[in-house]
Amino acid sequence: MKEIKKKTLLMNWVEMEKGVKLEELLHDLYIEKGFSIREIAEKLGVHYHTVNSWLKLMEIEARLPHEKLLELVEIKRKLKESK
């Protein structure tokens, strides 16, 4: 995860509101918790294009919508196998 060197006023505002560095917040929500870009945008009160550009600045590749669906299908399959 790359640190964003020059942060905008909006980036600084999000950090102030959430009490955590933007990079850590996005990594947690997008990578660790698997939130979608739209879900993160809604949670932060910003446009999803904004979140997408922040991820690009951090050099985090955006997941394609169908990748999330494939993950869910795989989880469901594993749950059925474990029964």
PDB file of N, CA and C in Angstrom:
ATOM      1  N   MET A   1       0.857  -1.174   0.000  1.00  0.00           N
ATOM      2  CA  MET A   1       0.000   0.000   0.000  1.00  0.00           C
ATOM      3  C   MET A   1       0.900   1.233   0.000  1.00  0.00           C
ATOM      4  N   LYS A   2       0.688   2.063  -0.992  1.00  0.00           N
ATOM      5  CA  LYS A   2       1.489   3.274  -1.145  1.00  0.00           C
ATOM      6  C   LYS A   2       0.842   4.438  -0.385  1.00  0.00           C
ATOM      7  N   GLU A   3       1.685   5.224   0.273  1.00  0.00           N
ATOM      8  CA  GLU A   3       1.192   6.400   1.000  1.00  0.00           C
ATOM      9  C   GLU A   3       0.945   7.535   0.016  1.00  0.00           C
ATOM     10  N   ILE A   4      -0.141   8.251   0.217  1.00  0.00           N
ATOM     11  CA  ILE A   4      -0.461   9.408  -0.617  1.00  0.00           C
ATOM     12  C   ILE A   4       0.306  10.599  -0.063  1.00  0.00           C
ATOM     13  N   LYS A   5       1.175  11.164  -0.884  1.00  0.00           N
ATOM     14  CA  LYS A   5       2.047  12.260  -0.423  1.00  0.00           C
ATOM     15  C   LYS A   5       1.304  13.588  -0.287  1.00  0.00           C
ATOM     16  N   LYS A   6       0.633  14.022  -1.352  1.00  0.00           N
ATOM     17  CA  LYS A   6      -0.075  15.307  -1.317  1.00  0.00           C
ATOM     18  C   LYS A   6      -1.568  15.041  -1.204  1.00  0.00           C
ATOM     19  N   LYS A   7      -2.106  15.284  -0.030  1.00  0.00           N
ATOM     20  CA  LYS A   7      -3.516  15.014   0.218  1.00  0.00           C
ATOM     21  C   LYS A   7      -4.363  16.258  -0.016  1.00  0.00           C
ATOM     22  N   THR A   8      -5.546  16.016  -0.551  1.00  0.00           N
ATOM     23  CA  THR A   8      -6.491  17.101  -0.801  1.00  0.00           C
ATOM     24  C   THR A   8      -7.210  17.465   0.500  1.00  0.00           C
ATOM     25  N   LEU A   9      -7.950  18.553   0.441  1.00  0.00           N
ATOM     26  CA  LEU A   9      -8.747  18.955   1.604  1.00  0.00           C
ATOM     27  C   LEU A   9      -9.757  17.866   1.970  1.00  0.00           C
ATOM     28  N   LEU A  10     -10.349  17.239   0.951  1.00  0.00           N
ATOM     29  CA  LEU A  10     -11.320  16.177   1.211  1.00  0.00           C
ATOM     30  C   LEU A  10     -10.662  14.980   1.891  1.00  0.00           C
ATOM     31  N   MET A  11      -9.480  14.620   1.451  1.00  0.00           N
ATOM     32  CA  MET A  11      -8.745  13.518   2.089  1.00  0.00           C
ATOM     33  C   MET A  11      -8.467  13.838   3.551  1.00  0.00           C
ATOM     34  N   ASN A  12      -8.004  15.051   3.792  1.00  0.00           N
ATOM     35  CA  ASN A  12      -7.720  15.478   5.168  1.00  0.00           C
ATOM     36  C   ASN A  12      -8.985  15.507   6.020  1.00  0.00           C
ATOM     37  N   TRP A  13     -10.103  15.925   5.421  1.00  0.00           N
ATOM     38  CA  TRP A  13     -11.377  15.965   6.136  1.00  0.00           C
ATOM     39  C   TRP A  13     -11.805  14.554   6.546  1.00  0.00           C
ATOM     40  N   VAL A  14     -11.686  13.588   5.607  1.00  0.00           N
ATOM     41  CA  VAL A  14     -12.065  12.200   5.912  1.00  0.00           C
ATOM     42  C   VAL A  14     -11.198  11.671   7.049  1.00  0.00           C
ATOM     43  N   GLU A  15      -9.894  11.949   6.993  1.00  0.00           N
ATOM     44  CA  GLU A  15      -8.994  11.502   8.069  1.00  0.00           C
ATOM     45  C   GLU A  15      -9.398  12.097   9.408  1.00  0.00           C
ATOM     46  N   MET A  16      -9.743  13.383   9.398  1.00  0.00           N
ATOM     47  CA  MET A  16     -10.137  14.051  10.632  1.00  0.00           C
ATOM     48  C   MET A  16     -11.449  13.466  11.171  1.00  0.00           C
ATOM     49  N   GLU A  17     -12.414  13.240  10.283  1.00  0.00           N
ATOM     50  CA  GLU A  17     -13.714  12.700  10.688  1.00  0.00           C
ATOM     51  C   GLU A  17     -13.607  11.276  11.226  1.00  0.00           C
ATOM     52  N   LYS A  18     -12.784  10.461  10.577  1.00  0.00           N
ATOM     53  CA  LYS A  18     -12.684   9.048  10.944  1.00  0.00           C
ATOM     54  C   LYS A  18     -11.583   8.768  11.964  1.00  0.00           C
ATOM     55  N   GLY A  19     -10.681   9.721  12.164  1.00  0.00           N
ATOM     56  CA  GLY A  19      -9.635   9.561  13.164  1.00  0.00           C
ATOM     57  C   GLY A  19      -8.565   8.547  12.801  1.00  0.00           C
ATOM     58  N   VAL A  20      -8.379   8.314  11.517  1.00  0.00           N
ATOM     59  CA  VAL A  20      -7.384   7.354  11.054  1.00  0.00           C
ATOM     60  C   VAL A  20      -6.872   7.808   9.683  1.00  0.00           C
ATOM     61  N   LYS A  21      -5.639   7.412   9.367  1.00  0.00           N
ATOM     62  CA  LYS A  21      -5.080   7.781   8.066  1.00  0.00           C
ATOM     63  C   LYS A  21      -5.918   7.173   6.947  1.00  0.00           C
ATOM     64  N   LEU A  22      -6.090   7.927   5.880  1.00  0.00           N
ATOM     65  CA  LEU A  22      -6.897   7.490   4.749  1.00  0.00           C
ATOM     66  C   LEU A  22      -6.411   6.157   4.183  1.00  0.00           C
ATOM     67  N   GLU A  23      -5.106   6.006   4.077  1.00  0.00           N
ATOM     68  CA  GLU A  23      -4.552   4.771   3.525  1.00  0.00           C
ATOM     69  C   GLU A  23      -4.945   3.563   4.369  1.00  0.00           C
ATOM     70  N   GLU A  24      -4.851   3.707   5.686  1.00  0.00           N
ATOM     71  CA  GLU A  24      -5.221   2.610   6.592  1.00  0.00           C
ATOM     72  C   GLU A  24      -6.715   2.311   6.503  1.00  0.00           C
ATOM     73  N   LEU A  25      -7.513   3.371   6.442  1.00  0.00           N
ATOM     74  CA  LEU A  25      -8.961   3.219   6.368  1.00  0.00           C
ATOM     75  C   LEU A  25      -9.374   2.483   5.094  1.00  0.00           C
ATOM     76  N   LEU A  26      -8.840   2.917   3.950  1.00  0.00           N
ATOM     77  CA  LEU A  26      -9.198   2.276   2.689  1.00  0.00           C
ATOM     78  C   LEU A  26      -8.696   0.841   2.628  1.00  0.00           C
ATOM     79  N   HIS A  27      -7.505   0.610   3.131  1.00  0.00           N
ATOM     80  CA  HIS A  27      -6.971  -0.760   3.144  1.00  0.00           C
ATOM     81  C   HIS A  27      -7.872  -1.663   3.984  1.00  0.00           C
ATOM     82  N   ASP A  28      -8.271  -1.182   5.145  1.00  0.00           N
ATOM     83  CA  ASP A  28      -9.131  -1.965   6.032  1.00  0.00           C
ATOM     84  C   ASP A  28     -10.478  -2.259   5.373  1.00  0.00           C
ATOM     85  N   LEU A  29     -11.116  -1.219   4.842  1.00  0.00           N
ATOM     86  CA  LEU A  29     -12.452  -1.396   4.277  1.00  0.00           C
ATOM     87  C   LEU A  29     -12.435  -2.192   2.979  1.00  0.00           C
ATOM     88  N   TYR A  30     -11.491  -1.900   2.101  1.00  0.00           N
ATOM     89  CA  TYR A  30     -11.491  -2.508   0.765  1.00  0.00           C
ATOM     90  C   TYR A  30     -10.800  -3.867   0.728  1.00  0.00           C
ATOM     91  N   ILE A  31      -9.630  -3.944   1.319  1.00  0.00           N
ATOM     92  CA  ILE A  31      -8.854  -5.189   1.269  1.00  0.00           C
ATOM     93  C   ILE A  31      -9.273  -6.156   2.377  1.00  0.00           C
ATOM     94  N   GLU A  32      -9.259  -5.690   3.613  1.00  0.00           N
ATOM     95  CA  GLU A  32      -9.515  -6.579   4.751  1.00  0.00           C
ATOM     96  C   GLU A  32     -10.988  -6.982   4.873  1.00  0.00           C
ATOM     97  N   LYS A  33     -11.881  -6.001   4.746  1.00  0.00           N
ATOM     98  CA  LYS A  33     -13.306  -6.285   4.962  1.00  0.00           C
ATOM     99  C   LYS A  33     -14.069  -6.566   3.671  1.00  0.00           C
ATOM    100  N   GLY A  34     -13.460  -6.272   2.523  1.00  0.00           N
ATOM    101  CA  GLY A  34     -14.078  -6.598   1.240  1.00  0.00           C
ATOM    102  C   GLY A  34     -15.231  -5.702   0.815  1.00  0.00           C
ATOM    103  N   PHE A  35     -15.323  -4.498   1.390  1.00  0.00           N
ATOM    104  CA  PHE A  35     -16.371  -3.568   0.972  1.00  0.00           C
ATOM    105  C   PHE A  35     -16.158  -3.193  -0.490  1.00  0.00           C
ATOM    106  N   SER A  36     -17.245  -2.888  -1.177  1.00  0.00           N
ATOM    107  CA  SER A  36     -17.137  -2.413  -2.553  1.00  0.00           C
ATOM    108  C   SER A  36     -16.759  -0.930  -2.535  1.00  0.00           C
ATOM    109  N   ILE A  37     -16.340  -0.433  -3.682  1.00  0.00           N
ATOM    110  CA  ILE A  37     -16.000   0.984  -3.796  1.00  0.00           C
ATOM    111  C   ILE A  37     -17.231   1.841  -3.493  1.00  0.00           C
ATOM    112  N   ARG A  38     -18.370   1.412  -3.993  1.00  0.00           N
ATOM    113  CA  ARG A  38     -19.610   2.165  -3.735  1.00  0.00           C
ATOM    114  C   ARG A  38     -19.975   2.153  -2.245  1.00  0.00           C
ATOM    115  N   GLU A  39     -19.788   1.034  -1.594  1.00  0.00           N
ATOM    116  CA  GLU A  39     -20.086   0.951  -0.154  1.00  0.00           C
ATOM    117  C   GLU A  39     -19.170   1.881   0.637  1.00  0.00           C
ATOM    118  N   ILE A  40     -17.896   1.913   0.264  1.00  0.00           N
ATOM    119  CA  ILE A  40     -16.940   2.795   0.946  1.00  0.00           C
ATOM    120  C   ILE A  40     -17.323   4.246   0.706  1.00  0.00           C
ATOM    121  N   ALA A  41     -17.661   4.573  -0.532  1.00  0.00           N
ATOM    122  CA  ALA A  41     -18.041   5.946  -0.874  1.00  0.00           C
ATOM    123  C   ALA A  41     -19.238   6.390  -0.035  1.00  0.00           C
ATOM    124  N   GLU A  42     -20.225   5.517   0.077  1.00  0.00           N
ATOM    125  CA  GLU A  42     -21.410   5.848   0.864  1.00  0.00           C
ATOM    126  C   GLU A  42     -21.041   6.046   2.335  1.00  0.00           C
ATOM    127  N   LYS A  43     -20.197   5.168   2.852  1.00  0.00           N
ATOM    128  CA  LYS A  43     -19.769   5.238   4.252  1.00  0.00           C
ATOM    129  C   LYS A  43     -18.996   6.533   4.543  1.00  0.00           C
ATOM    130  N   LEU A  44     -18.196   6.992   3.556  1.00  0.00           N
ATOM    131  CA  LEU A  44     -17.369   8.186   3.753  1.00  0.00           C
ATOM    132  C   LEU A  44     -18.057   9.470   3.298  1.00  0.00           C
ATOM    133  N   GLY A  45     -19.179   9.344   2.608  1.00  0.00           N
ATOM    134  CA  GLY A  45     -19.889  10.530   2.128  1.00  0.00           C
ATOM    135  C   GLY A  45     -19.222  11.198   0.942  1.00  0.00           C
ATOM    136  N   VAL A  46     -18.598  10.373   0.086  1.00  0.00           N
ATOM    137  CA  VAL A  46     -17.947  10.895  -1.116  1.00  0.00           C
ATOM    138  C   VAL A  46     -18.439  10.110  -2.331  1.00  0.00           C
ATOM    139  N   HIS A  47     -18.114  10.588  -3.518  1.00  0.00           N
ATOM    140  CA  HIS A  47     -18.510   9.912  -4.754  1.00  0.00           C
ATOM    141  C   HIS A  47     -17.649   8.674  -4.957  1.00  0.00           C
ATOM    142  N   TYR A  48     -18.211   7.645  -5.594  1.00  0.00           N
ATOM    143  CA  TYR A  48     -17.428   6.416  -5.785  1.00  0.00           C
ATOM    144  C   TYR A  48     -16.230   6.633  -6.701  1.00  0.00           C
ATOM    145  N   HIS A  49     -16.307   7.599  -7.627  1.00  0.00           N
ATOM    146  CA  HIS A  49     -15.137   7.914  -8.462  1.00  0.00           C
ATOM    147  C   HIS A  49     -13.984   8.430  -7.597  1.00  0.00           C
ATOM    148  N   THR A  50     -14.326   9.147  -6.544  1.00  0.00           N
ATOM    149  CA  THR A  50     -13.318   9.671  -5.625  1.00  0.00           C
ATOM    150  C   THR A  50     -12.586   8.522  -4.939  1.00  0.00           C
ATOM    151  N   VAL A  51     -13.337   7.562  -4.429  1.00  0.00           N
ATOM    152  CA  VAL A  51     -12.729   6.403  -3.768  1.00  0.00           C
ATOM    153  C   VAL A  51     -11.864   5.638  -4.764  1.00  0.00           C
ATOM    154  N   ASN A  52     -12.362   5.474  -5.983  1.00  0.00           N
ATOM    155  CA  ASN A  52     -11.611   4.765  -7.011  1.00  0.00           C
ATOM    156  C   ASN A  52     -10.278   5.466  -7.286  1.00  0.00           C
ATOM    157  N   SER A  53     -10.287   6.787  -7.389  1.00  0.00           N
ATOM    158  CA  SER A  53      -9.027   7.499  -7.642  1.00  0.00           C
ATOM    159  C   SER A  53      -8.087   7.432  -6.446  1.00  0.00           C
ATOM    160  N   TRP A  54      -8.625   7.415  -5.231  1.00  0.00           N
ATOM    161  CA  TRP A  54      -7.769   7.264  -4.047  1.00  0.00           C
ATOM    162  C   TRP A  54      -7.087   5.902  -4.065  1.00  0.00           C
ATOM    163  N   LEU A  55      -7.844   4.865  -4.422  1.00  0.00           N
ATOM    164  CA  LEU A  55      -7.246   3.526  -4.503  1.00  0.00           C
ATOM    165  C   LEU A  55      -6.141   3.488  -5.547  1.00  0.00           C
ATOM    166  N   LYS A  56      -6.361   4.171  -6.673  1.00  0.00           N
ATOM    167  CA  LYS A  56      -5.324   4.227  -7.717  1.00  0.00           C
ATOM    168  C   LYS A  56      -4.069   4.928  -7.196  1.00  0.00           C
ATOM    169  N   LEU A  57      -4.257   6.022  -6.462  1.00  0.00           N
ATOM    170  CA  LEU A  57      -3.109   6.737  -5.888  1.00  0.00           C
ATOM    171  C   LEU A  57      -2.322   5.846  -4.931  1.00  0.00           C
ATOM    172  N   MET A  58      -3.024   4.940  -4.271  1.00  0.00           N
ATOM    173  CA  MET A  58      -2.394   4.016  -3.328  1.00  0.00           C
ATOM    174  C   MET A  58      -1.873   2.759  -4.029  1.00  0.00           C
ATOM    175  N   GLU A  59      -2.093   2.713  -5.350  1.00  0.00           N
ATOM    176  CA  GLU A  59      -1.683   1.583  -6.184  1.00  0.00           C
ATOM    177  C   GLU A  59      -2.367   0.274  -5.766  1.00  0.00           C
ATOM    178  N   ILE A  60      -3.641   0.392  -5.402  1.00  0.00           N
ATOM    179  CA  ILE A  60      -4.471  -0.769  -5.099  1.00  0.00           C
ATOM    180  C   ILE A  60      -5.385  -0.984  -6.300  1.00  0.00           C
ATOM    181  N   GLU A  61      -5.305  -2.163  -6.889  1.00  0.00           N
ATOM    182  CA  GLU A  61      -6.133  -2.472  -8.050  1.00  0.00           C
ATOM    183  C   GLU A  61      -7.582  -2.653  -7.636  1.00  0.00           C
ATOM    184  N   ALA A  62      -8.460  -2.018  -8.375  1.00  0.00           N
ATOM    185  CA  ALA A  62      -9.891  -2.151  -8.104  1.00  0.00           C
ATOM    186  C   ALA A  62     -10.361  -3.533  -8.541  1.00  0.00           C
ATOM    187  N   ARG A  63     -11.215  -4.120  -7.721  1.00  0.00           N
ATOM    188  CA  ARG A  63     -11.828  -5.399  -8.093  1.00  0.00           C
ATOM    189  C   ARG A  63     -12.920  -5.125  -9.123  1.00  0.00           C
ATOM    190  N   LEU A  64     -13.082  -6.048 -10.022  1.00  0.00           N
ATOM    191  CA  LEU A  64     -14.191  -5.949 -10.958  1.00  0.00           C
ATOM    192  C   LEU A  64     -15.441  -6.457 -10.245  1.00  0.00           C
ATOM    193  N   PRO A  65     -16.611  -5.903 -10.566  1.00  0.00           N
ATOM    194  CA  PRO A  65     -17.839  -6.311  -9.857  1.00  0.00           C
ATOM    195  C   PRO A  65     -18.064  -7.822  -9.849  1.00  0.00           C
ATOM    196  N   HIS A  66     -17.756  -8.486 -10.938  1.00  0.00           N
ATOM    197  CA  HIS A  66     -18.006  -9.927 -10.982  1.00  0.00           C
ATOM    198  C   HIS A  66     -17.039 -10.708 -10.086  1.00  0.00           C
ATOM    199  N   GLU A  67     -15.892 -10.135  -9.736  1.00  0.00           N
ATOM    200  CA  GLU A  67     -14.945 -10.818  -8.861  1.00  0.00           C
ATOM    201  C   GLU A  67     -15.545 -11.018  -7.471  1.00  0.00           C
ATOM    202  N   LYS A  68     -16.274 -10.041  -6.986  1.00  0.00           N
ATOM    203  CA  LYS A  68     -16.931 -10.149  -5.686  1.00  0.00           C
ATOM    204  C   LYS A  68     -17.984 -11.263  -5.735  1.00  0.00           C
ATOM    205  N   LEU A  69     -18.730 -11.317  -6.821  1.00  0.00           N
ATOM    206  CA  LEU A  69     -19.732 -12.364  -6.990  1.00  0.00           C
ATOM    207  C   LEU A  69     -19.077 -13.741  -7.008  1.00  0.00           C
ATOM    208  N   LEU A  70     -17.951 -13.863  -7.705  1.00  0.00           N
ATOM    209  CA  LEU A  70     -17.242 -15.143  -7.750  1.00  0.00           C
ATOM    210  C   LEU A  70     -16.758 -15.558  -6.366  1.00  0.00           C
ATOM    211  N   GLU A  71     -16.299 -14.589  -5.574  1.00  0.00           N
ATOM    212  CA  GLU A  71     -15.875 -14.872  -4.197  1.00  0.00           C
ATOM    213  C   GLU A  71     -17.040 -15.428  -3.381  1.00  0.00           C
ATOM    214  N   LEU A  72     -18.201 -14.818  -3.522  1.00  0.00           N
ATOM    215  CA  LEU A  72     -19.377 -15.263  -2.776  1.00  0.00           C
ATOM    216  C   LEU A  72     -19.810 -16.665  -3.199  1.00  0.00           C
ATOM    217  N   VAL A  73     -19.755 -16.940  -4.492  1.00  0.00           N
ATOM    218  CA  VAL A  73     -20.103 -18.271  -4.994  1.00  0.00           C
ATOM    219  C   VAL A  73     -19.140 -19.308  -4.424  1.00  0.00           C
ATOM    220  N   GLU A  74     -17.858 -18.981  -4.382  1.00  0.00           N
ATOM    221  CA  GLU A  74     -16.850 -19.901  -3.843  1.00  0.00           C
ATOM    222  C   GLU A  74     -17.078 -20.155  -2.353  1.00  0.00           C
ATOM    223  N   ILE A  75     -17.406 -19.128  -1.613  1.00  0.00           N
ATOM    224  CA  ILE A  75     -17.689 -19.284  -0.177  1.00  0.00           C
ATOM    225  C   ILE A  75     -18.907 -20.181   0.016  1.00  0.00           C
ATOM    226  N   LYS A  76     -19.951 -19.964  -0.780  1.00  0.00           N
ATOM    227  CA  LYS A  76     -21.160 -20.773  -0.680  1.00  0.00           C
ATOM    228  C   LYS A  76     -20.846 -22.241  -0.988  1.00  0.00           C
ATOM    229  N   ARG A  77     -20.024 -22.471  -2.003  1.00  0.00           N
ATOM    230  CA  ARG A  77     -19.636 -23.832  -2.371  1.00  0.00           C
ATOM    231  C   ARG A  77     -18.891 -24.514  -1.216  1.00  0.00           C
ATOM    232  N   LYS A  78     -17.969 -23.798  -0.604  1.00  0.00           N
ATOM    233  CA  LYS A  78     -17.195 -24.366   0.504  1.00  0.00           C
ATOM    234  C   LYS A  78     -18.086 -24.677   1.707  1.00  0.00           C
ATOM    235  N   LEU A  79     -19.072 -23.822   1.955  1.00  0.00           N
ATOM    236  CA  LEU A  79     -20.008 -24.061   3.053  1.00  0.00           C
ATOM    237  C   LEU A  79     -20.823 -25.330   2.806  1.00  0.00           C
ATOM    238  N   LYS A  80     -21.255 -25.524   1.573  1.00  0.00           N
ATOM    239  CA  LYS A  80     -22.022 -26.731   1.235  1.00  0.00           C
ATOM    240  C   LYS A  80     -21.156 -27.979   1.408  1.00  0.00           C
ATOM    241  N   GLU A  81     -19.898 -27.889   1.013  1.00  0.00           N
ATOM    242  CA  GLU A  81     -18.979 -29.031   1.120  1.00  0.00           C
ATOM    243  C   GLU A  81     -18.716 -29.404   2.579  1.00  0.00           C
ATOM    244  N   SER A  82     -18.707 -28.419   3.449  1.00  0.00           N
ATOM    245  CA  SER A  82     -18.389 -28.667   4.854  1.00  0.00           C
ATOM    246  C   SER A  82     -19.553 -29.293   5.631  1.00  0.00           C
ATOM    247  N   LYS A  83     -20.743 -29.334   5.034  1.00  0.00           N
ATOM    248  CA  LYS A  83     -21.921 -29.907   5.721  1.00  0.00           C
ATOM    249  C   LYS A  83     -21.967 -31.397   5.602  1.00  0.00           C
TER     250      LYS A  83
END
